[in-house]
Protein backbone atom coordinates (compact mmCIF):
# COMPACT_ATOMS: atom_id res chain seq x y z
CA MET A 1 -38.72 73.42 -17.46
CA ASP A 2 -37.08 73.70 -20.90
CA VAL A 3 -36.34 77.45 -21.00
CA ALA A 4 -35.59 77.44 -24.74
CA ALA A 5 -38.87 75.71 -25.57
CA PHE A 6 -40.75 78.02 -23.22
CA ALA A 7 -39.25 81.09 -24.89
CA LYS A 8 -40.07 79.72 -28.34
CA ASP A 9 -43.70 79.13 -27.36
CA HIS A 10 -44.04 82.61 -25.84
CA VAL A 11 -42.41 84.90 -28.39
CA PRO A 12 -45.37 87.37 -28.55
CA GLN A 13 -45.57 87.58 -24.76
CA ILE A 14 -41.83 88.04 -24.30
CA THR A 15 -41.81 90.68 -27.05
CA ALA A 16 -44.60 92.54 -25.27
CA VAL A 17 -42.73 92.44 -21.95
CA VAL A 18 -39.50 93.71 -23.54
CA ALA A 19 -41.43 96.51 -25.27
CA LEU A 20 -43.17 97.60 -22.06
CA VAL A 21 -39.96 97.42 -20.02
CA SER A 22 -38.08 99.43 -22.65
CA TYR A 23 -40.82 102.03 -22.74
CA GLY A 24 -40.94 102.14 -18.95
CA ILE A 25 -37.21 102.76 -18.72
CA ALA A 26 -37.18 105.36 -21.51
CA ARG A 27 -40.11 107.33 -20.08
CA ASN A 28 -39.39 106.67 -16.39
CA LYS A 29 -42.79 105.05 -15.94
CA PHE A 30 -41.56 102.58 -13.32
CA THR A 31 -39.10 102.61 -10.46
CA PRO A 32 -36.37 99.90 -10.63
CA GLY A 33 -38.38 97.88 -8.13
CA GLY A 34 -41.51 98.43 -10.19
CA LEU A 35 -39.78 97.06 -13.30
CA VAL A 36 -38.60 93.94 -11.46
CA ALA A 37 -42.07 93.39 -10.01
CA GLY A 38 -43.64 93.87 -13.44
CA VAL A 39 -41.38 91.25 -15.03
CA LEU A 40 -42.03 88.80 -12.18
CA VAL A 41 -45.80 89.23 -12.46
CA SER A 42 -45.59 88.80 -16.24
CA ILE A 43 -43.66 85.53 -15.90
CA ILE A 44 -46.21 84.16 -13.43
CA HIS A 45 -48.98 84.92 -15.92
CA MET A 46 -46.99 83.41 -18.82
CA LEU A 47 -46.60 80.11 -16.97
CA HIS A 48 -50.33 79.48 -17.32
CA PRO A 49 -51.31 77.62 -20.54
CA TRP A 50 -54.16 80.07 -21.19
CA PRO A 51 -52.68 83.21 -22.84
CA VAL A 52 -55.75 85.27 -21.84
CA PHE A 53 -54.41 86.05 -18.36
CA PHE A 54 -51.10 87.42 -19.61
CA TRP A 55 -52.83 89.61 -22.18
CA LEU A 56 -55.30 90.91 -19.61
CA LEU A 57 -52.31 92.05 -17.55
CA THR A 58 -50.53 93.54 -20.56
CA VAL A 59 -53.55 95.37 -21.96
CA PHE A 60 -54.33 96.72 -18.49
CA VAL A 61 -50.80 98.15 -18.19
CA PHE A 62 -50.99 99.60 -21.70
CA LEU A 63 -54.42 101.19 -21.25
CA GLY A 64 -53.51 102.38 -17.75
CA THR A 65 -50.45 104.16 -19.15
CA LEU A 66 -52.55 105.62 -21.94
CA VAL A 67 -55.29 107.10 -19.76
CA THR A 68 -52.71 108.42 -17.31
CA LYS A 69 -51.27 110.52 -20.12
CA VAL A 70 -54.67 111.97 -21.05
CA GLY A 71 -54.92 115.53 -19.74
CA HIS A 72 -51.58 115.20 -17.94
CA ALA A 73 -50.95 118.96 -17.95
CA ALA A 74 -54.39 119.69 -16.49
CA LYS A 75 -54.17 116.91 -13.89
CA SER A 76 -50.78 118.13 -12.69
CA HIS A 77 -52.42 121.32 -11.41
CA LEU A 78 -55.40 119.62 -9.71
CA THR A 79 -53.39 117.96 -6.91
CA GLN A 80 -50.04 118.41 -5.17
CA SER A 81 -47.18 116.02 -4.55
CA SER A 82 -46.06 115.42 -0.97
CA THR A 83 -42.46 115.74 -2.15
CA GLY A 84 -43.10 119.21 -3.55
CA GLY A 85 -44.42 120.54 -6.83
CA SER A 86 -47.52 119.57 -8.75
CA GLY A 87 -49.32 116.27 -8.58
CA GLY A 88 -50.21 113.86 -11.34
CA GLU A 89 -48.32 110.98 -12.89
CA ALA A 90 -45.33 109.45 -11.07
CA SER A 91 -43.16 106.35 -11.56
CA ARG A 92 -44.97 103.15 -10.57
CA SER A 93 -43.43 101.27 -7.64
CA ALA A 94 -43.33 97.55 -6.89
CA ALA A 95 -46.07 98.04 -4.30
CA GLN A 96 -48.34 99.55 -6.96
CA VAL A 97 -47.65 96.68 -9.35
CA PHE A 98 -48.51 94.05 -6.75
CA ALA A 99 -51.53 96.04 -5.56
CA ASN A 100 -53.07 95.82 -9.02
CA SER A 101 -52.00 92.31 -10.02
CA GLY A 102 -50.92 90.48 -6.87
CA PHE A 103 -54.24 88.80 -6.15
CA ALA A 104 -54.53 87.78 -9.80
CA CYS A 105 -51.12 86.11 -9.49
CA ILE A 106 -52.41 84.05 -6.57
CA LEU A 107 -55.49 82.95 -8.53
CA VAL A 108 -53.45 82.22 -11.69
CA GLY A 109 -51.06 80.06 -9.68
CA LEU A 110 -53.92 78.21 -7.96
CA HIS A 111 -55.72 77.58 -11.25
CA LEU A 112 -52.50 76.33 -12.84
CA TYR A 113 -52.00 73.97 -9.91
CA LEU A 114 -55.53 72.59 -10.19
CA LEU A 115 -55.18 72.11 -13.96
CA ALA A 116 -52.00 70.10 -13.45
CA SER A 117 -53.33 67.96 -10.59
CA THR A 118 -55.25 64.73 -10.90
CA PRO A 119 -57.84 63.23 -8.54
CA PHE A 120 -57.10 59.72 -9.79
CA ILE A 121 -54.90 57.06 -8.21
CA SER A 122 -53.01 54.89 -10.67
CA SER A 123 -51.85 51.38 -9.87
CA ASN A 124 -49.48 51.45 -12.84
CA LEU A 125 -47.99 54.95 -12.70
CA PRO A 126 -46.22 56.68 -9.78
CA ILE A 127 -48.80 59.48 -9.66
CA ALA A 128 -50.04 60.72 -6.32
CA PRO A 129 -53.64 61.94 -6.25
CA GLY A 130 -53.93 65.71 -6.23
CA PRO A 131 -56.68 68.07 -5.08
CA HIS A 132 -59.92 67.80 -6.98
CA ALA A 133 -62.03 70.94 -6.98
CA PRO A 134 -63.82 71.09 -10.34
CA ARG A 135 -66.18 73.89 -9.34
CA LEU A 136 -63.38 76.08 -8.00
CA GLN A 137 -61.37 75.34 -11.12
CA LYS A 138 -64.21 76.77 -13.21
CA LEU A 139 -64.69 79.80 -10.97
CA LEU A 140 -61.06 80.93 -10.73
CA PRO A 141 -60.82 82.25 -14.34
CA ILE A 142 -63.94 84.35 -13.67
CA GLY A 143 -62.23 85.79 -10.60
CA ILE A 144 -59.06 86.62 -12.56
CA ILE A 145 -60.98 88.36 -15.34
CA ALA A 146 -63.09 90.25 -12.80
CA GLN A 147 -59.94 91.45 -11.03
CA TYR A 148 -58.54 93.02 -14.19
CA ALA A 149 -61.91 94.45 -15.18
CA ALA A 150 -62.07 96.07 -11.73
CA VAL A 151 -58.56 97.57 -11.68
CA ALA A 152 -59.12 98.86 -15.22
CA ALA A 153 -62.43 100.41 -14.17
CA ASP A 154 -60.76 102.02 -11.16
CA THR A 155 -57.88 103.38 -13.26
CA PHE A 156 -60.19 104.79 -15.94
CA SER A 157 -62.48 106.26 -13.30
CA SER A 158 -59.73 107.99 -11.35
CA GLU A 159 -57.52 109.11 -14.24
CA LEU A 160 -60.31 110.37 -16.50
CA GLY A 161 -62.96 111.20 -13.91
CA ILE A 162 -60.68 113.78 -12.29
CA LEU A 163 -60.91 115.78 -15.52
CA ALA A 164 -64.70 116.00 -15.31
CA GLN A 165 -66.25 119.46 -15.29
CA SER A 166 -68.53 118.52 -12.41
CA GLU A 167 -67.35 118.69 -8.79
CA PRO A 168 -66.83 115.29 -7.10
CA PHE A 169 -69.13 114.17 -4.31
CA LEU A 170 -68.25 111.85 -1.43
CA ILE A 171 -69.62 108.38 -2.14
CA THR A 172 -70.63 107.88 1.50
CA ALA A 173 -72.31 111.32 1.63
CA PRO A 174 -73.53 112.21 -1.90
CA TRP A 175 -74.68 115.65 -0.76
CA LYS A 176 -71.12 116.62 0.22
CA ARG A 177 -68.83 118.10 -2.43
CA VAL A 178 -65.10 117.40 -2.10
CA PRO A 179 -61.86 118.55 -3.82
CA LYS A 180 -60.71 116.61 -6.87
CA GLY A 181 -58.45 113.73 -5.92
CA THR A 182 -60.23 113.11 -2.59
CA ASN A 183 -60.30 109.44 -1.61
CA GLY A 184 -63.91 108.34 -1.91
CA GLY A 185 -64.82 111.21 -4.22
CA VAL A 186 -66.70 110.24 -7.38
CA THR A 187 -68.32 111.86 -10.40
CA VAL A 188 -70.93 110.52 -12.81
CA GLU A 189 -68.41 110.93 -15.61
CA GLY A 190 -65.88 108.90 -13.65
CA LEU A 191 -68.34 106.05 -13.22
CA ILE A 192 -69.05 106.06 -16.96
CA TYR A 193 -65.33 105.90 -17.70
CA GLY A 194 -65.04 103.08 -15.18
CA GLY A 195 -67.69 101.12 -17.05
CA LEU A 196 -65.70 101.64 -20.25
CA GLY A 197 -62.53 100.29 -18.66
CA SER A 198 -64.36 97.22 -17.37
CA LEU A 199 -65.95 96.62 -20.77
CA LEU A 200 -62.62 96.83 -22.62
CA LEU A 201 -60.90 94.28 -20.38
CA THR A 202 -63.89 91.94 -20.58
CA LEU A 203 -63.73 92.16 -24.37
CA VAL A 204 -60.02 91.26 -24.25
CA ALA A 205 -60.93 88.19 -22.21
CA ILE A 206 -63.68 87.21 -24.67
CA LEU A 207 -61.32 87.49 -27.67
CA TYR A 208 -58.41 85.56 -26.16
CA LEU A 209 -60.55 82.83 -24.59
CA TYR A 210 -62.07 82.17 -28.02
CA GLY A 211 -58.99 82.65 -30.23
CA TYR A 212 -56.51 80.73 -28.06
CA ALA A 213 -56.55 78.03 -25.38
CA PRO A 214 -59.00 76.91 -24.08
CA GLY A 215 -60.87 78.02 -27.25
CA ILE A 216 -64.28 78.74 -25.73
CA ALA A 217 -66.94 81.36 -26.37
CA MET A 218 -67.79 83.27 -23.20
CA ASN A 219 -71.36 82.98 -22.01
CA GLU A 220 -73.25 86.26 -22.59
CA LYS A 221 -74.62 86.34 -19.05
CA THR A 222 -71.13 85.82 -17.63
CA ALA A 223 -69.75 88.59 -19.84
CA GLY A 224 -72.43 91.01 -18.68
CA MET A 225 -71.84 90.07 -15.07
CA LEU A 226 -68.09 90.65 -15.43
CA VAL A 227 -68.57 94.13 -16.92
CA PHE A 228 -70.97 95.09 -14.14
CA ILE A 229 -68.86 93.68 -11.31
CA GLY A 230 -65.76 95.30 -12.81
CA LEU A 231 -67.54 98.64 -12.52
CA MET A 232 -68.59 97.72 -8.97
CA GLY A 233 -64.89 97.28 -8.24
CA SER A 234 -64.41 100.99 -8.86
CA VAL A 235 -67.31 101.72 -6.50
CA ILE A 236 -65.81 99.41 -3.86
CA ASP A 237 -62.49 101.24 -4.22
CA SER A 238 -64.24 104.56 -3.61
CA LEU A 239 -66.07 103.16 -0.56
CA LEU A 240 -62.81 101.85 0.88
CA GLY A 241 -61.14 105.17 0.13
CA ALA A 242 -63.83 107.05 2.01
CA LEU A 243 -63.91 104.66 4.98
CA VAL A 244 -60.36 103.41 5.62
CA GLN A 245 -58.02 105.74 3.72
CA ALA A 246 -57.08 109.24 4.84
CA THR A 247 -57.12 112.23 2.50
CA VAL A 248 -54.55 114.95 3.10
CA THR A 249 -55.14 118.47 1.80
CA ASP A 250 -52.96 121.55 1.73
CA ARG A 251 -54.42 124.19 4.04
CA LYS A 252 -53.34 127.06 1.81
CA SER A 253 -54.42 125.86 -1.63
CA GLY A 254 -57.12 123.37 -0.60
CA LYS A 255 -55.67 120.82 -3.04
CA VAL A 256 -55.29 117.13 -2.23
CA VAL A 257 -51.71 116.09 -1.45
CA GLU A 258 -50.60 112.78 -3.00
CA GLY A 259 -47.84 110.50 -1.73
CA PRO A 260 -45.32 109.07 -4.23
CA GLY A 261 -45.96 105.46 -5.19
CA GLY A 262 -49.26 105.38 -3.30
CA GLN A 263 -47.53 105.90 0.06
CA ARG A 264 -48.94 107.71 3.08
CA VAL A 265 -48.58 111.47 3.23
CA LYS A 266 -46.94 112.69 6.42
CA VAL A 267 -48.85 115.30 8.38
CA ALA A 268 -47.14 117.34 11.07
CA GLU A 269 -49.28 118.62 13.94
CA GLY A 270 -49.99 122.30 13.41
CA GLY A 271 -48.40 122.19 9.95
CA GLY A 272 -49.71 123.22 6.59
CA ARG A 273 -51.54 119.97 5.88
CA LEU A 274 -54.91 118.72 7.06
CA GLN A 275 -55.76 115.01 7.33
CA ILE A 276 -59.34 113.85 6.91
CA GLY A 277 -60.67 110.32 7.45
CA SER A 278 -59.34 107.08 8.93
CA ASP A 279 -55.76 106.18 8.07
CA LEU A 280 -56.06 102.38 8.09
CA LEU A 281 -54.86 101.60 4.56
CA THR A 282 -52.59 103.25 2.04
CA ASN A 283 -53.71 103.73 -1.55
CA ASN A 284 -51.90 100.52 -2.49
CA GLY A 285 -53.62 98.67 0.34
CA VAL A 286 -57.02 99.90 -0.83
CA ASN A 287 -56.28 98.81 -4.40
CA PHE A 288 -55.22 95.30 -3.32
CA VAL A 289 -58.22 94.82 -1.04
CA MET A 290 -60.57 96.13 -3.73
CA ALA A 291 -59.12 93.74 -6.32
CA ALA A 292 -59.44 90.79 -3.95
CA LEU A 293 -62.98 91.65 -2.85
CA THR A 294 -64.17 92.20 -6.42
CA SER A 295 -62.62 88.96 -7.60
CA MET A 296 -64.23 86.98 -4.78
CA LEU A 297 -67.54 88.77 -5.36
CA ALA A 298 -67.51 87.73 -9.01
CA MET A 299 -66.74 84.12 -8.13
CA GLY A 300 -69.42 84.14 -5.44
CA VAL A 301 -72.07 85.53 -7.79
CA ALA A 302 -71.07 83.05 -10.50
CA HIS A 303 -71.31 80.17 -8.01
CA VAL A 304 -74.72 81.20 -6.66
CA LEU A 305 -76.22 81.91 -10.10
CA GLY A 306 -74.51 78.98 -11.81
CA PHE A 307 -72.58 81.16 -14.28
CA GLU A 308 -69.63 79.64 -16.17
CA LEU A 309 -67.22 81.03 -18.74
CA SER A 310 -68.83 78.96 -21.46
CA SER A 311 -72.29 77.50 -21.80
CA ARG A 312 -70.79 74.37 -23.28
């Protein structure tokens, strides 16, 4: 690869990465590992000839940072940190970066590989036949877009829904009210915000698919399906949170205790913390599984219903 030519062709993307990294360092938004992971993920997305995937990642990070700041003072008093003090925003770790974009990286790399491969055997050129999966090649971009619509929906739902005036209910037992920040707890307002996040990321995909390579107008049915499945990603996250992720509360205050960087919260027997639910996955594990399931769901629905990015 000609690094100089690559840099020249990706000036806007590189500028965006430098700006986000600089902001992250100045405001302590990422741990050192989180910054390295963010740059690595950005490069993987930049390698693809379709700019849409990089800008989905970038807009997701930007909007995620924005909604995290909304009501920060209020949110800091709604939960507690396992390391002491109030809850709320903390520096993003490498695990959190990969949880939200790792599966997309896999799909981006696979789609890039399929685009560069050829099913043809040439008697004149030393070209070995590559894998030929035209249907999968068409479905992978839908999966990537759905993944970012889902993680955006989940971020909007959790970061803005926690500020709702109504008390959350457990998604697996709607009649049961739970403390704010409970894994699997949802509010109607949170679901509405989740729909907004999914819509915004789908709109980003529509704009960049049309304005840049491959220069196509997204099918209306596909766009609607992506917005809906993105919202379903937030619902899937809540279901996973209720079923396979433990919630730890402080016995004295009744507030949910959060682990730094999405890690598990330690609970000592007979201590001041109470653990509820199955402790099979961490918050980062739930986010990764949700992103993967939502992405595969979108591709599966598109395959069954015959949806494509463009009607052309």
